[in-house]
Amino acid sequence: MTILEFFLWSLLKVAVVTVVMLLGIAYTVLLERKLVGRIQNRWGPSRVGPFGLLQPLVDGAKSFLKEDLIPTAVYRPIYLLAPILSLGCALISIAVVPFGANMGPHGFDLFEISNINIGLLVILGVTSMGVYGIALAGWSSNNKYSLLGSLRSSAQLISYELALGLSLVGVVLRAGSLNLRVIVEQQATLGIATWNIFGGFQFLAFFIYLMAAFAETNRSPFDLPEAESELTGGYHTEYSSMKFAMFFMAEYGNMINVGCVATLLFLGGWTSPLGNLMPPLQSTLVNALLPIFWFVLKVFLFLCLYVWVRGTLPRFRYDQLMNFGWRFLLPLAIVNIVGTSLWLAYR
């Protein structure tokens, strides 16, 4: 493969993945509104298009067409940079996520933008940068509510990022690699029996990851940084039009990223529940598309869990939030690391 062919294939992958990611963000919003509507015994969006399927497109157009108000006292360069930084970090993370089996022309990896040996570290590093967008938005808005929201978010992310990172150590110890493809392929041997959550005895790590992920993405019941009853909207109080929509998109993009990482590390990635026990089919097209189906299905179920929690659990108090992270999840993550290490050493 020539350099030009490699560049064109890579450009095509970036374009396709970006479009799919943006569509995924739009329809995750619709999924949430529909599921929360059902939980609350109402319909949810149902007027625009069949079954309300065009509602995300109309919402996006409305965000673009709204008047873009910029308060006079804001620090303009950082005020404008903050939503770009938040959305950019949410979109960059998907670049190292493998969502299908390794196949393509001349050994070219068709179902991953960039296959690197430290993919997991890259995701953790890029997503942790997203908090700068929130912190800068709160400071540059020159609004006390925005500043309080950004300070809450910074403290919350620092507190829960520690537990989230430690929860993944057991998976890395078991796989012996930070390469996401290696981690998934190790879980494919016996299907669901060798997934890390079951066969790897990482159900405790999955619980810690799940709780920390809710807090990392500022989702209910950990949505203290934008608590409407206390902070009128938190760090995006002074944002309107497309800049507000970019923060909104960043939140749902991070939800998808969290679902992808959970799928890769704990739920077997793109492999089927039967793993290598199911022989490959005769059709090359089906063999290429079936792994994508399994991957998307697992991420979809993870997002449904997100919405279910939002529709059923009340918001924490801030002291409860901090105590839960430092006094419960962090010690639990350390216990999981010690237990996994002893089990691997004994085995």
Foldseek 3Di string as FASTA:
>chain_A
DDPVVVVVLLVVLLVVLLVVLLVLLLVLVQVLQQLLCVLVVHGGQPDPPHRNPCVSVVVQVVLQPDDWDADPQFPPPLLVVLLVLLLVLLSVLQQQFFQFDQDDPPSDRNRHSDFDFQSQVSNLVSLLSNLVSQCSLLVRNPDPLQNVLSVLLNVLLVLLSLLLVLLLVLLCVVQVTNGLVSSLLQQQPAAQCSFCCHVVVSVLSLVSNLVSLCSSLCAPLNVVSQPCVPRVGYSCPRGGRVSVVSNSSSSSSSLLSSQSVCCSRGRSRLAHNRGVVDPDDPDPVCNGCSSNVSNVVSSVVSSVVRSVRRSPDHHDDSVVSSCCRPVPSNVSSVVSNVVSVVVVVVD
